[in-house]
């Protein structure tokens, strides 16, 4: 009978000790190295987005699909899969009876999620961030079809955009200097030109509402630029025409900024858009519930 006892030890295989558990110190060092690599990639993609108009548009397109993701995590997703549309960790996908392909398990999209808080030397509170692996639906073994989007009428979309807005909105027969909308510097009222097509009306109103949110934030470098980008994200999210948007001069906005400052500007775009789209979502959800209630009767 063959004897395999001589194979029952791998101590002579040099550095191949991947099966050995990490010590606490080794584990901490490994995680620190992973975080540093991720932050370096984050800086690289932020600088790329600021320097390349096409990359900025790609980032904003991705933000429109990943709404709830922070600017930082959207950048990290962009660096791995610019076409991502639906993300989740393994538990999320398993809960939907969807499984990530074996070959994709080694290719996660790494994002950052907040962990424990700590106290800095100056006494302020900080937050530790942990790396989290997520996967796009395109990496799934069985691709699931996204639920059919609810089709809202143009009137419903425009109504949801302006409903519950924190500023007064009125129609105007004409506006000084042309344009589709403006914020009256004397009254703070948003005035929207009457008689425009839906897409022009939506874009104009979205821009001024996002600008109002940027101004309310108080720390935005250029509310006009923030509003321009945020309104683009809103239009992309709700299927409104965006062919007239141009980002060729965006580089001037980011000129002289380091990666951290660029991320701050992108976060302000996300926050301005998020404030407006959050109100829209609540209004549209109410419409959806009402319609379903009516159907059930």
Protein backbone atom coordinates (compact mmCIF):
# COMPACT_ATOMS: atom_id res chain seq x y z
CA UNK A 1 0.00 0.00 0.00
CA UNK A 2 1.35 3.43 -0.92
CA UNK A 3 2.47 5.65 1.92
CA UNK A 4 1.90 9.41 1.69
CA UNK A 5 3.16 10.40 5.11
CA UNK A 6 6.07 12.31 3.57
CA UNK A 7 3.60 14.74 1.96
CA UNK A 8 1.88 15.70 5.18
CA UNK A 9 4.16 18.66 5.89
CA UNK A 10 4.86 21.77 3.83
CA UNK A 11 7.53 23.28 6.05
CA UNK A 12 10.13 23.02 3.29
CA UNK A 13 8.22 25.24 0.84
CA UNK A 14 10.04 28.46 1.64
CA UNK A 15 7.82 31.55 1.85
CA UNK A 16 4.61 29.84 0.77
CA UNK A 17 2.81 30.31 4.08
CA UNK A 18 -0.46 31.75 2.78
CA UNK A 19 -2.34 29.14 4.79
CA UNK A 20 -0.96 30.47 8.04
CA UNK A 21 -3.17 32.86 10.00
CA UNK A 22 -2.00 36.46 10.28
CA UNK A 23 -0.89 37.73 13.64
CA UNK A 24 -2.74 40.80 14.92
CA UNK A 25 0.18 43.01 13.92
CA UNK A 26 0.49 41.42 10.47
CA UNK A 27 -3.24 41.79 9.85
CA UNK A 28 -3.16 45.48 10.84
CA UNK A 29 -0.16 46.09 8.59
CA UNK A 30 -1.85 44.32 5.68
CA UNK A 31 -5.03 46.37 6.06
CA UNK A 32 -3.03 49.58 6.31
CA UNK A 33 -1.21 48.72 3.10
CA UNK A 34 -4.52 48.02 1.33
CA UNK A 35 -5.99 51.32 2.50
CA UNK A 36 -2.92 53.27 1.38
CA UNK A 37 -3.11 51.67 -2.07
CA UNK A 38 -6.81 52.51 -2.28
CA UNK A 39 -6.23 56.13 -1.26
CA UNK A 40 -3.48 56.43 -3.87
CA UNK A 41 -5.88 55.14 -6.54
CA UNK A 42 -8.51 57.56 -5.26
CA UNK A 43 -6.12 60.49 -5.68
CA UNK A 44 -5.19 59.37 -9.20
CA UNK A 45 -8.78 59.10 -10.41
CA UNK A 46 -9.75 62.43 -8.81
CA UNK A 47 -6.93 64.17 -10.67
CA UNK A 48 -7.98 62.46 -13.91
CA UNK A 49 -11.60 63.58 -13.54
CA UNK A 50 -10.49 67.17 -12.92
CA UNK A 51 -8.19 67.23 -15.94
CA UNK A 52 -10.29 65.37 -18.52
CA UNK A 53 -13.77 66.66 -19.54
CA UNK A 54 -14.73 63.21 -20.82
CA UNK A 55 -13.76 61.65 -17.48
CA UNK A 56 -15.78 64.27 -15.60
CA UNK A 57 -18.86 63.51 -17.70
CA UNK A 58 -18.28 59.79 -17.14
CA UNK A 59 -18.06 60.40 -13.40
CA UNK A 60 -21.31 62.41 -13.41
CA UNK A 61 -23.04 59.72 -15.47
CA UNK A 62 -21.97 57.14 -12.91
CA UNK A 63 -23.17 59.35 -10.05
CA UNK A 64 -26.59 59.53 -11.69
CA UNK A 65 -26.81 55.73 -11.59
CA UNK A 66 -25.34 55.23 -8.12
CA UNK A 67 -27.25 58.07 -6.43
CA UNK A 68 -26.68 57.12 -2.80
CA UNK A 69 -22.92 56.63 -3.16
CA UNK A 70 -20.58 59.34 -1.90
CA UNK A 71 -18.29 61.19 -4.28
CA UNK A 72 -15.33 59.26 -2.87
CA UNK A 73 -16.94 55.88 -3.51
CA UNK A 74 -18.21 56.92 -6.93
CA UNK A 75 -14.62 57.80 -7.85
CA UNK A 76 -13.43 54.41 -6.61
CA UNK A 77 -16.12 52.63 -8.64
CA UNK A 78 -15.19 54.74 -11.67
CA UNK A 79 -11.56 53.61 -11.40
CA UNK A 80 -12.64 49.96 -11.66
CA UNK A 81 -15.86 49.87 -13.67
CA UNK A 82 -17.15 53.10 -15.24
CA UNK A 83 -20.20 51.25 -16.60
CA UNK A 84 -21.35 49.91 -13.22
CA UNK A 85 -25.08 50.17 -12.64
CA UNK A 86 -26.08 48.02 -9.66
CA UNK A 87 -23.70 47.28 -6.82
CA UNK A 88 -23.88 45.13 -3.73
CA UNK A 89 -21.72 43.01 -1.46
CA UNK A 90 -21.91 39.23 -1.49
CA UNK A 91 -24.62 39.12 1.16
CA UNK A 92 -26.75 41.53 -0.88
CA UNK A 93 -26.53 39.40 -4.02
CA UNK A 94 -27.04 36.11 -2.17
CA UNK A 95 -30.17 37.55 -0.63
CA UNK A 96 -31.49 38.03 -4.16
CA UNK A 97 -30.40 34.51 -5.16
CA UNK A 98 -27.76 35.97 -7.44
CA UNK A 99 -24.19 34.69 -7.34
CA UNK A 100 -21.00 36.32 -8.48
CA UNK A 101 -19.05 34.35 -11.08
CA UNK A 102 -16.09 32.45 -9.66
CA UNK A 103 -13.56 34.30 -11.79
CA UNK A 104 -15.01 37.65 -10.68
CA UNK A 105 -14.69 36.88 -6.98
CA UNK A 106 -11.05 37.94 -7.23
CA UNK A 107 -11.99 41.21 -8.91
CA UNK A 108 -14.13 43.14 -6.41
CA UNK A 109 -14.79 46.85 -6.56
CA UNK A 110 -13.36 48.27 -3.36
CA UNK A 111 -15.12 51.16 -1.65
CA UNK A 112 -14.80 52.74 1.78
CA UNK A 113 -17.35 52.52 4.55
CA UNK A 114 -17.19 54.33 7.89
CA UNK A 115 -16.15 52.36 10.93
CA UNK A 116 -15.29 53.36 14.48
CA UNK A 117 -14.72 56.93 15.53
CA UNK A 118 -11.54 58.16 17.18
CA UNK A 119 -10.23 61.33 18.78
CA UNK A 120 -7.53 63.30 16.98
CA UNK A 121 -4.64 64.98 18.77
CA UNK A 122 -6.38 68.36 18.47
CA UNK A 123 -9.47 66.95 20.19
CA UNK A 124 -11.70 66.74 17.11
CA UNK A 125 -13.53 63.54 16.20
CA UNK A 126 -12.39 61.43 13.27
CA UNK A 127 -13.70 58.27 11.62
CA UNK A 128 -11.84 55.14 10.62
CA UNK A 129 -12.76 53.87 7.16
CA UNK A 130 -12.77 50.20 6.27
CA UNK A 131 -12.46 48.67 2.83
CA UNK A 132 -15.62 46.97 1.59
CA UNK A 133 -15.82 44.70 -1.45
CA UNK A 134 -18.82 45.13 -3.72
CA UNK A 135 -19.68 43.68 -7.12
CA UNK A 136 -21.62 44.98 -10.09
CA UNK A 137 -24.52 43.04 -11.54
CA UNK A 138 -22.41 42.54 -14.69
CA UNK A 139 -20.19 40.24 -12.58
CA UNK A 140 -23.10 37.98 -11.67
CA UNK A 141 -23.50 34.36 -12.75
CA UNK A 142 -27.16 34.96 -13.57
CA UNK A 143 -27.77 38.49 -14.68
CA UNK A 144 -30.97 39.79 -13.22
CA UNK A 145 -33.08 42.24 -15.06
CA UNK A 146 -33.56 45.51 -13.23
CA UNK A 147 -37.16 46.21 -12.34
CA UNK A 148 -38.97 48.04 -15.10
CA UNK A 149 -38.67 51.76 -14.37
CA UNK A 150 -41.91 53.54 -13.60
CA UNK A 151 -42.79 55.86 -16.43
CA UNK A 152 -43.65 59.31 -15.16
CA UNK A 153 -45.20 61.93 -17.34
CA UNK A 154 -43.32 65.13 -18.09
CA UNK A 155 -45.84 67.00 -15.99
CA UNK A 156 -45.25 64.68 -13.03
CA UNK A 157 -41.47 65.04 -13.28
CA UNK A 158 -41.61 68.83 -13.45
CA UNK A 159 -44.14 68.99 -10.63
CA UNK A 160 -41.93 66.78 -8.46
CA UNK A 161 -38.91 68.96 -9.25
CA UNK A 162 -40.45 72.19 -7.99
CA UNK A 163 -42.76 70.84 -5.27
CA UNK A 164 -41.66 71.53 -1.70
CA UNK A 165 -38.71 73.59 -2.94
CA UNK A 166 -37.19 75.79 -0.19
CA UNK A 167 -37.43 78.85 -2.44
CA UNK A 168 -40.35 80.50 -4.16
CA UNK A 169 -40.73 79.71 -7.88
CA UNK A 170 -42.73 81.76 -10.35
CA UNK A 171 -43.23 81.91 -14.11
CA UNK A 172 -42.01 84.93 -16.08
CA UNK A 173 -42.99 86.23 -19.49
CA UNK A 174 -39.44 87.47 -20.10
CA UNK A 175 -36.11 87.43 -18.28
CA UNK A 176 -33.36 90.07 -18.36
CA UNK A 177 -30.35 88.86 -20.34
CA UNK A 178 -32.24 85.94 -21.83
CA UNK A 179 -31.92 82.42 -20.49
CA UNK A 180 -34.51 79.99 -19.25
CA UNK A 181 -34.40 80.79 -15.55
CA UNK A 182 -32.75 83.04 -13.01
CA UNK A 183 -32.73 83.72 -9.31
CA UNK A 184 -33.98 87.26 -8.70
CA UNK A 185 -31.17 88.98 -6.77
CA UNK A 186 -33.64 91.24 -4.95
CA UNK A 187 -36.23 88.70 -3.85
CA UNK A 188 -34.42 85.36 -4.04
CA UNK A 189 -37.31 84.01 -6.11
CA UNK A 190 -36.54 81.60 -8.93
CA UNK A 191 -38.13 82.92 -12.12
CA UNK A 192 -38.65 80.47 -14.97
CA UNK A 193 -39.45 81.57 -18.50
CA UNK A 194 -42.95 80.57 -19.56
CA UNK A 195 -43.71 78.73 -22.80
CA UNK A 196 -40.57 76.57 -23.04
CA UNK A 197 -40.51 72.91 -23.96
CA UNK A 198 -40.39 70.41 -21.10
CA UNK A 199 -36.67 69.61 -21.36
CA UNK A 200 -35.67 73.29 -21.39
CA UNK A 201 -37.98 74.03 -18.47
CA UNK A 202 -36.68 71.07 -16.45
CA UNK A 203 -33.01 71.89 -17.11
CA UNK A 204 -33.45 75.56 -16.27
CA UNK A 205 -35.39 74.90 -13.08
CA UNK A 206 -32.98 72.13 -12.02
CA UNK A 207 -30.00 74.43 -12.48
CA UNK A 208 -31.45 77.20 -10.32
CA UNK A 209 -32.62 74.79 -7.63
CA UNK A 210 -29.20 73.14 -7.48
CA UNK A 211 -27.60 76.57 -7.37
CA UNK A 212 -29.84 77.49 -4.43
CA UNK A 213 -28.67 74.35 -2.61
CA UNK A 214 -25.03 75.18 -3.37
CA UNK A 215 -25.45 78.70 -2.01
CA UNK A 216 -27.18 77.35 1.09
CA UNK A 217 -24.16 75.09 1.72
CA UNK A 218 -22.07 78.23 2.10
CA UNK A 219 -18.66 76.70 1.31
CA UNK A 220 -19.03 76.07 -2.42
CA UNK A 221 -16.24 77.57 -4.51
CA UNK A 222 -18.41 78.33 -7.55
CA UNK A 223 -22.17 77.76 -7.11
CA UNK A 224 -22.71 78.22 -10.85
CA UNK A 225 -20.36 75.36 -11.75
CA UNK A 226 -21.73 73.16 -8.97
CA UNK A 227 -25.27 73.79 -10.21
CA UNK A 228 -24.31 73.09 -13.81
CA UNK A 229 -22.86 69.67 -12.96
CA UNK A 230 -25.59 68.81 -10.45
CA UNK A 231 -28.37 69.67 -12.90
CA UNK A 232 -26.68 67.42 -15.48
CA UNK A 233 -26.80 64.52 -13.00
CA UNK A 234 -30.48 65.22 -12.33
CA UNK A 235 -31.29 65.24 -16.03
CA UNK A 236 -29.42 61.99 -16.59
CA UNK A 237 -31.20 60.39 -13.67
CA UNK A 238 -34.66 61.27 -14.95
CA UNK A 239 -34.07 60.86 -18.68
CA UNK A 240 -34.06 64.54 -19.65
CA UNK A 241 -32.04 65.54 -22.73
CA UNK A 242 -28.41 66.48 -21.90
CA UNK A 243 -26.80 66.86 -25.34
CA UNK A 244 -26.19 70.59 -24.83
CA UNK A 245 -24.08 70.16 -21.70
CA UNK A 246 -20.38 70.91 -22.24
CA UNK A 247 -17.54 70.31 -19.78
CA UNK A 248 -14.61 71.47 -21.90
CA UNK A 249 -13.82 74.39 -19.57
CA UNK A 250 -14.19 72.37 -16.36
CA UNK A 251 -10.41 72.18 -16.00
CA UNK A 252 -10.31 75.87 -15.12
CA UNK A 253 -12.60 75.18 -12.18
CA UNK A 254 -10.20 72.62 -10.72
CA UNK A 255 -7.03 74.46 -11.64
CA UNK A 256 -4.50 74.44 -8.82
CA UNK A 257 -6.53 72.03 -6.68
CA UNK A 258 -5.03 68.93 -5.12
CA UNK A 259 -6.87 65.61 -5.03
CA UNK A 260 -8.51 66.28 -1.69
CA UNK A 261 -9.85 69.65 -2.84
CA UNK A 262 -11.17 68.07 -6.03
CA UNK A 263 -13.02 65.44 -4.00
CA UNK A 264 -14.54 68.21 -1.90
CA UNK A 265 -15.85 69.96 -5.01
CA UNK A 266 -17.31 66.71 -6.34
CA UNK A 267 -18.94 66.07 -2.97
CA UNK A 268 -20.62 69.47 -3.15
CA UNK A 269 -22.01 68.62 -6.57
CA UNK A 270 -23.34 65.37 -5.17
CA UNK A 271 -24.86 67.10 -2.14
CA UNK A 272 -26.60 69.79 -4.21
CA UNK A 273 -28.06 67.24 -6.61
CA UNK A 274 -28.95 64.90 -3.77
CA UNK A 275 -30.95 67.56 -1.95
CA UNK A 276 -33.07 68.24 -5.05
CA UNK A 277 -33.44 64.61 -6.17
CA UNK A 278 -34.32 63.59 -2.61
CA UNK A 279 -37.32 65.92 -2.65
CA UNK A 280 -38.22 64.68 -6.12
CA UNK A 281 -38.05 61.05 -5.02
CA UNK A 282 -40.44 61.67 -2.13
CA UNK A 283 -42.96 63.33 -4.43
CA UNK A 284 -42.67 60.59 -7.06
CA UNK A 285 -42.94 57.86 -4.43
CA UNK A 286 -46.18 59.41 -3.26
CA UNK A 287 -47.49 59.34 -6.83
CA UNK A 288 -46.48 55.70 -7.20
CA UNK A 289 -48.20 54.66 -3.97
CA UNK A 290 -51.33 56.52 -4.93
CA UNK A 291 -51.39 54.83 -8.34
CA UNK A 292 -50.92 51.38 -6.84
CA UNK A 293 -53.65 52.03 -4.30
CA UNK A 294 -55.98 53.05 -7.13
CA UNK A 295 -55.10 49.89 -9.09
CA UNK A 296 -55.87 47.71 -6.07
CA UNK A 297 -59.39 49.05 -5.77
